[in-house]
N, C-alpha and C. Protein backbone atom coordinates (compact mmCIF):
# COMPACT_ATOMS: atom_id res chain seq x y z
N MET A 1 66.01 -24.74 26.11
CA MET A 1 65.50 -26.12 25.23
C MET A 1 64.31 -25.69 24.18
N LEU A 2 63.30 -24.94 24.44
CA LEU A 2 62.25 -24.60 23.75
C LEU A 2 62.49 -23.41 22.72
N HIS A 3 63.42 -22.77 22.86
CA HIS A 3 64.26 -22.02 22.03
C HIS A 3 64.88 -22.94 21.18
N ARG A 4 65.77 -23.57 21.10
CA ARG A 4 66.51 -24.26 20.26
C ARG A 4 65.70 -25.27 19.48
N PHE A 5 64.21 -25.48 19.84
CA PHE A 5 63.27 -26.64 19.73
C PHE A 5 62.65 -25.47 18.36
N LEU A 6 62.41 -24.11 18.93
CA LEU A 6 61.63 -23.28 17.70
C LEU A 6 62.44 -23.15 16.90
N ALA A 7 63.89 -22.78 16.82
CA ALA A 7 64.68 -22.29 16.39
C ALA A 7 64.99 -23.40 15.09
N LEU A 8 65.12 -24.23 15.06
CA LEU A 8 65.30 -26.17 14.45
C LEU A 8 63.86 -25.68 13.75
N LEU A 9 62.77 -25.73 14.19
CA LEU A 9 61.28 -25.61 13.76
C LEU A 9 61.34 -24.57 12.48
N ILE A 10 61.89 -23.24 12.56
CA ILE A 10 61.59 -22.39 11.70
C ILE A 10 62.66 -22.04 10.71
N SER A 11 64.05 -22.79 10.86
CA SER A 11 65.08 -23.28 9.82
C SER A 11 64.64 -23.91 9.20
N LEU A 12 64.21 -25.38 9.69
CA LEU A 12 63.62 -25.94 8.28
C LEU A 12 62.11 -26.11 7.80
N ILE A 13 61.62 -24.94 8.16
CA ILE A 13 60.64 -24.19 7.35
C ILE A 13 60.90 -23.25 6.57
N GLY A 14 62.25 -22.71 6.91
CA GLY A 14 62.72 -21.78 6.20
C GLY A 14 63.63 -22.62 4.59
N LEU A 15 64.13 -23.37 5.36
CA LEU A 15 64.93 -24.12 3.87
C LEU A 15 63.91 -24.76 3.38
N ALA A 16 62.44 -25.75 3.58
CA ALA A 16 61.80 -26.08 3.30
C ALA A 16 60.96 -25.01 2.12
N LEU A 17 60.92 -23.80 2.46
CA LEU A 17 60.29 -22.99 1.88
C LEU A 17 61.56 -22.41 0.16
N VAL A 18 62.28 -22.42 0.74
CA VAL A 18 63.42 -22.32 -0.60
C VAL A 18 63.51 -22.97 -1.06
N ALA A 19 63.50 -24.87 -0.85
CA ALA A 19 63.98 -25.88 -2.03
C ALA A 19 62.59 -25.79 -2.61
N TRP A 20 61.20 -25.49 -1.89
CA TRP A 20 59.90 -25.52 -2.77
C TRP A 20 59.99 -24.35 -4.08
N ALA A 21 60.32 -23.06 -3.47
CA ALA A 21 60.37 -22.30 -4.45
C ALA A 21 61.33 -22.08 -5.80
N TYR A 22 62.41 -23.28 -5.23
CA TYR A 22 63.55 -23.43 -6.21
C TYR A 22 62.91 -24.03 -7.45
N LEU A 23 61.94 -25.47 -6.72
CA LEU A 23 61.47 -26.70 -8.15
C LEU A 23 60.55 -26.33 -8.20
N ASP A 24 59.53 -25.47 -7.61
CA ASP A 24 58.34 -25.26 -8.17
C ASP A 24 58.56 -24.60 -10.20
N PRO A 25 57.82 -25.08 -10.71
CA PRO A 25 57.97 -24.46 -11.97
C PRO A 25 57.41 -23.46 -12.27
N ARG A 26 56.53 -22.97 -11.79
CA ARG A 26 55.59 -21.62 -11.48
C ARG A 26 56.72 -20.11 -11.32
N PHE A 27 57.54 -20.17 -10.26
CA PHE A 27 58.38 -19.79 -10.45
C PHE A 27 59.59 -19.56 -11.25
N ARG A 28 59.49 -20.30 -12.52
CA ARG A 28 60.48 -19.83 -13.53
C ARG A 28 59.61 -19.74 -14.99
N GLY A 29 60.48 -18.95 -15.81
CA GLY A 29 60.27 -18.52 -17.10
C GLY A 29 59.97 -19.53 -18.47
N SER A 30 59.62 -18.99 -19.40
CA SER A 30 59.31 -20.43 -20.64
C SER A 30 60.67 -21.32 -20.98
N GLU A 31 62.00 -20.40 -20.41
CA GLU A 31 63.37 -20.55 -20.78
C GLU A 31 63.88 -21.41 -19.80
N GLY A 32 63.08 -21.73 -18.44
CA GLY A 32 63.65 -22.22 -17.45
C GLY A 32 64.32 -20.99 -16.26
N ILE A 33 64.38 -20.85 -16.81
CA ILE A 33 65.15 -18.94 -15.60
C ILE A 33 64.01 -19.08 -14.65
N LEU A 34 64.55 -18.55 -13.11
CA LEU A 34 63.94 -17.88 -12.49
C LEU A 34 63.71 -16.28 -12.95
N THR A 35 62.22 -16.03 -12.46
CA THR A 35 61.69 -15.36 -12.51
C THR A 35 61.62 -14.44 -11.21
N GLY A 36 61.59 -13.11 -11.45
CA GLY A 36 61.04 -12.31 -10.20
C GLY A 36 60.12 -12.35 -8.96
N SER A 37 59.15 -13.26 -9.23
CA SER A 37 58.38 -13.91 -8.46
C SER A 37 59.04 -14.79 -7.70
N PHE A 38 60.33 -15.12 -8.11
CA PHE A 38 60.88 -16.23 -6.94
C PHE A 38 61.73 -15.67 -5.87
N CYS A 39 61.60 -13.94 -6.10
CA CYS A 39 62.61 -13.53 -4.86
C CYS A 39 61.35 -13.40 -3.43
N LEU A 40 59.82 -13.44 -3.44
CA LEU A 40 59.26 -13.28 -2.16
C LEU A 40 59.27 -14.80 -1.58
N PRO A 41 59.78 -15.60 -2.15
CA PRO A 41 59.46 -17.12 -1.03
C PRO A 41 60.99 -16.97 -0.91
N PHE A 42 62.25 -16.55 -1.66
CA PHE A 42 63.31 -16.40 -1.18
C PHE A 42 63.42 -15.21 -0.01
N SER A 43 62.97 -14.57 0.16
CA SER A 43 63.44 -13.72 1.18
C SER A 43 62.69 -13.66 2.20
N ILE A 44 61.80 -14.36 2.15
CA ILE A 44 60.57 -15.03 3.28
C ILE A 44 61.77 -15.95 4.14
N SER A 45 61.94 -17.16 3.46
CA SER A 45 63.09 -18.30 3.60
C SER A 45 64.01 -17.38 4.58
N VAL A 46 65.25 -16.36 3.95
CA VAL A 46 65.94 -15.76 4.63
C VAL A 46 65.59 -14.98 6.01
N ALA A 47 64.27 -14.61 5.72
CA ALA A 47 63.77 -13.95 6.96
C ALA A 47 63.66 -15.29 7.90
N LEU A 48 62.72 -16.47 7.82
CA LEU A 48 63.24 -17.15 8.58
C LEU A 48 64.27 -17.77 9.10
N LEU A 49 65.55 -18.25 8.48
CA LEU A 49 66.72 -17.89 8.59
C LEU A 49 67.55 -17.33 9.56
N VAL A 50 66.99 -15.83 9.62
CA VAL A 50 67.70 -14.72 10.28
C VAL A 50 66.44 -14.77 11.66
N LEU A 51 65.81 -15.14 11.76
CA LEU A 51 64.93 -15.45 13.04
C LEU A 51 64.98 -16.79 13.64
N ALA A 52 65.14 -17.45 12.89
CA ALA A 52 65.87 -18.74 13.74
C ALA A 52 66.75 -18.92 14.28
N TRP A 53 67.96 -18.15 13.76
CA TRP A 53 69.63 -17.62 14.83
C TRP A 53 69.14 -16.47 15.06
N SER A 54 67.97 -16.31 15.62
CA SER A 54 68.09 -14.73 17.00
C SER A 54 66.99 -14.81 18.13
N VAL A 55 66.20 -15.79 17.52
CA VAL A 55 65.25 -16.81 18.58
C VAL A 55 65.77 -17.75 19.76
N SER A 56 67.16 -17.95 19.83
CA SER A 56 67.67 -18.42 20.77
C SER A 56 68.23 -17.40 21.76
N LYS A 57 68.55 -16.60 21.01
CA LYS A 57 69.51 -15.26 21.77
C LYS A 57 68.86 -14.31 22.55
N GLU A 58 68.74 -14.04 23.02
CA GLU A 58 68.06 -13.07 24.31
C GLU A 58 68.28 -11.96 23.76
N GLN A 59 69.37 -11.25 23.28
CA GLN A 59 69.97 -10.07 22.96
C GLN A 59 69.69 -10.05 20.94
N TRP A 60 69.41 -10.71 20.73
CA TRP A 60 69.39 -10.42 19.46
C TRP A 60 67.92 -10.91 18.48
N ARG A 61 66.49 -10.71 19.66
CA ARG A 61 65.29 -11.83 19.52
C ARG A 61 64.82 -10.20 19.09
N LYS A 62 64.68 -9.20 19.39
CA LYS A 62 64.19 -8.25 19.43
C LYS A 62 64.29 -7.79 17.60
N PHE A 63 65.82 -7.89 17.21
CA PHE A 63 66.73 -7.18 16.23
C PHE A 63 65.94 -8.35 15.13
N GLY A 64 65.93 -9.51 15.56
CA GLY A 64 65.73 -10.79 14.41
C GLY A 64 64.14 -10.31 13.66
N LEU A 65 63.28 -10.20 15.02
CA LEU A 65 61.70 -10.02 14.76
C LEU A 65 61.45 -9.16 13.23
N TRP A 66 62.01 -7.48 14.07
CA TRP A 66 61.90 -6.89 13.25
C TRP A 66 62.92 -6.45 11.84
N PHE A 67 63.64 -7.45 11.83
CA PHE A 67 64.49 -7.73 10.64
C PHE A 67 63.74 -8.75 9.58
N ALA A 68 63.42 -9.48 10.08
CA ALA A 68 62.65 -10.70 9.22
C ALA A 68 61.43 -10.08 8.80
N LEU A 69 60.44 -8.43 9.71
CA LEU A 69 59.48 -8.48 9.29
C LEU A 69 60.03 -6.81 8.50
N ALA A 70 60.68 -6.66 8.25
CA ALA A 70 61.20 -5.79 7.40
C ALA A 70 61.60 -6.29 5.91
N LEU A 71 62.08 -7.17 6.14
CA LEU A 71 62.66 -7.82 4.70
C LEU A 71 61.27 -8.60 4.15
N ILE A 72 60.61 -9.29 4.71
CA ILE A 72 59.49 -9.39 4.40
C ILE A 72 58.57 -8.67 3.78
N GLY A 73 58.50 -7.16 4.39
CA GLY A 73 57.55 -6.54 4.08
C GLY A 73 58.22 -5.91 2.16
N GLN A 74 59.41 -5.81 2.63
CA GLN A 74 59.89 -4.85 1.24
C GLN A 74 59.91 -5.88 0.22
N ALA A 75 59.66 -7.09 0.35
CA ALA A 75 59.79 -7.96 -0.76
C ALA A 75 58.43 -8.22 -1.15
N VAL A 76 57.29 -7.95 -0.35
CA VAL A 76 55.80 -7.88 -1.07
C VAL A 76 55.68 -6.51 -1.33
N ALA A 77 56.10 -5.68 -0.89
CA ALA A 77 55.94 -4.39 -1.81
C ALA A 77 56.33 -4.03 -3.24
N LEU A 78 57.67 -5.05 -3.34
CA LEU A 78 58.20 -4.90 -4.40
C LEU A 78 57.48 -5.74 -5.39
N GLN A 79 56.74 -6.81 -4.94
CA GLN A 79 55.88 -7.50 -6.12
C GLN A 79 54.60 -6.73 -6.43
N MET A 80 54.27 -5.80 -5.19
CA MET A 80 53.13 -5.28 -5.62
C MET A 80 53.26 -4.06 -6.93
N ILE A 81 55.19 -3.66 -7.43
CA ILE A 81 54.89 -2.94 -7.96
C ILE A 81 55.51 -3.27 -9.72
N ASP A 82 54.17 -2.55 -10.51
CA ASP A 82 54.27 -2.91 -12.07
C ASP A 82 55.99 -2.43 -12.69
N ALA A 83 56.86 -3.03 -12.68
CA ALA A 83 57.97 -2.30 -13.24
C ALA A 83 58.84 -3.65 -14.39
N GLY A 84 58.26 -3.92 -15.61
CA GLY A 84 58.41 -4.36 -16.42
C GLY A 84 59.87 -4.32 -17.52
N PRO A 85 60.06 -4.78 -18.83
CA PRO A 85 60.77 -4.76 -19.30
C PRO A 85 60.67 -3.63 -20.18
N LEU A 86 59.51 -2.86 -20.72
CA LEU A 86 58.41 -1.95 -21.53
C LEU A 86 59.06 -0.87 -20.76
N ILE A 87 59.20 0.53 -21.85
CA ILE A 87 59.60 1.55 -20.78
C ILE A 87 58.03 2.16 -20.56
N HIS A 88 57.96 2.28 -19.16
CA HIS A 88 57.13 2.87 -18.26
C HIS A 88 57.61 3.38 -17.35
N TYR A 89 56.86 4.20 -16.34
CA TYR A 89 57.19 4.33 -14.82
C TYR A 89 56.44 3.37 -13.88
N GLN A 90 57.51 3.07 -13.10
CA GLN A 90 56.88 2.14 -11.98
C GLN A 90 55.68 2.68 -11.58
N HIS A 91 54.84 1.92 -10.96
CA HIS A 91 54.41 2.12 -10.03
C HIS A 91 53.24 0.69 -9.19
N TYR A 92 52.61 1.09 -8.31
CA TYR A 92 52.12 0.22 -7.71
C TYR A 92 50.97 -0.32 -8.50
N ARG A 93 50.85 -1.72 -9.13
CA ARG A 93 49.50 -2.52 -9.03
C ARG A 93 48.34 -1.47 -8.96
N PRO A 94 46.92 -1.93 -9.54
CA PRO A 94 46.04 -1.39 -8.84
C PRO A 94 45.39 -2.66 -8.01
N PHE A 95 44.35 -2.16 -7.02
CA PHE A 95 44.45 -3.49 -6.21
C PHE A 95 43.81 -4.73 -6.48
N GLN A 96 43.21 -4.28 -8.03
CA GLN A 96 42.16 -5.30 -8.56
C GLN A 96 43.29 -6.67 -9.50
N ASP A 97 44.58 -5.82 -9.92
CA ASP A 97 45.58 -6.55 -10.11
C ASP A 97 46.22 -7.35 -9.08
N ILE A 98 46.45 -7.16 -8.11
CA ILE A 98 47.47 -7.74 -6.64
C ILE A 98 47.08 -9.04 -6.65
N HIS A 99 47.91 -9.65 -6.19
CA HIS A 99 47.51 -11.05 -6.30
C HIS A 99 46.85 -11.27 -4.36
N SER A 100 45.83 -11.98 -3.89
CA SER A 100 44.85 -11.69 -2.90
C SER A 100 46.31 -11.73 -1.89
N PHE A 101 46.81 -12.98 -2.13
CA PHE A 101 48.06 -13.16 -0.74
C PHE A 101 48.98 -12.31 -0.68
N LEU A 102 49.07 -11.54 -1.19
CA LEU A 102 50.68 -10.02 -1.60
C LEU A 102 49.81 -9.02 -0.65
N LEU A 103 47.91 -9.17 -0.71
CA LEU A 103 47.60 -8.21 0.15
C LEU A 103 47.48 -8.21 1.72
N VAL A 104 47.22 -9.70 1.71
CA VAL A 104 46.81 -10.59 3.13
C VAL A 104 48.97 -10.04 3.83
N LEU A 105 49.75 -10.57 3.72
CA LEU A 105 50.76 -10.11 4.26
C LEU A 105 51.11 -9.01 4.09
N PHE A 106 50.24 -8.07 3.55
CA PHE A 106 50.88 -6.25 3.54
C PHE A 106 49.82 -6.31 4.83
N LEU A 107 48.51 -6.51 4.80
CA LEU A 107 47.90 -6.06 6.22
C LEU A 107 48.46 -7.02 7.55
N ILE A 108 49.11 -7.88 7.44
CA ILE A 108 49.35 -8.69 8.38
C ILE A 108 50.86 -8.14 8.91
N GLN A 109 51.49 -7.07 7.92
CA GLN A 109 52.50 -6.56 8.14
C GLN A 109 52.17 -4.98 9.01
N ILE A 110 51.03 -4.52 8.71
CA ILE A 110 50.67 -3.49 8.98
C ILE A 110 50.08 -3.68 10.62
N CYS A 111 49.47 -4.95 11.07
CA CYS A 111 49.10 -5.24 12.19
C CYS A 111 50.51 -5.57 13.26
N VAL A 112 51.33 -6.26 12.30
CA VAL A 112 52.16 -6.49 13.24
C VAL A 112 53.12 -5.28 13.82
N VAL A 113 53.56 -4.11 12.70
CA VAL A 113 53.95 -2.87 12.97
C VAL A 113 53.37 -1.83 14.33
N GLY A 114 52.01 -2.17 14.53
CA GLY A 114 51.34 -1.57 14.88
C GLY A 114 51.03 -1.82 16.72
N ILE A 115 51.04 -3.26 16.38
CA ILE A 115 51.27 -4.04 17.88
C ILE A 115 52.67 -3.31 18.48
N GLY A 116 53.37 -3.76 17.33
CA GLY A 116 54.94 -3.20 17.66
C GLY A 116 55.28 -1.89 18.28
N LEU A 117 54.12 -1.16 17.85
CA LEU A 117 54.66 0.35 17.78
C LEU A 117 53.80 0.69 18.82
N HIS A 118 52.38 0.16 19.14
CA HIS A 118 51.72 0.27 20.61
C HIS A 118 52.07 0.83 21.81
N SER A 119 53.68 -0.37 21.83
CA SER A 119 54.39 -0.47 23.22
C SER A 119 54.90 0.75 23.67
N ARG A 120 55.58 1.14 22.37
CA ARG A 120 56.32 2.37 22.36
C ARG A 120 55.88 3.67 22.74
């Protein structure tokens, strides 16, 4: 029963997050088209929906946790890369140019992976 409630709660958070990202004008350009920054909340919401599906199934729980962590980590890494329409090499932005929220998510991912690998 607790797993179903947790799955429902995680699903609602994931759906609310994608609805917020879709409706918030900060994720749209001057012409009203979604920008690349929309990918982070969308990826987090997809990760939460996969996590909600897997949390209620014992054999899929570890997969769901690691998949959600990898998906969010990849989205965060892509947001930290400077790759625009100009011709130049793609590279990670300097720390002072990266939003602190992205750095916090990156540090959380490092900690969770360290905890997960510590048991191995």
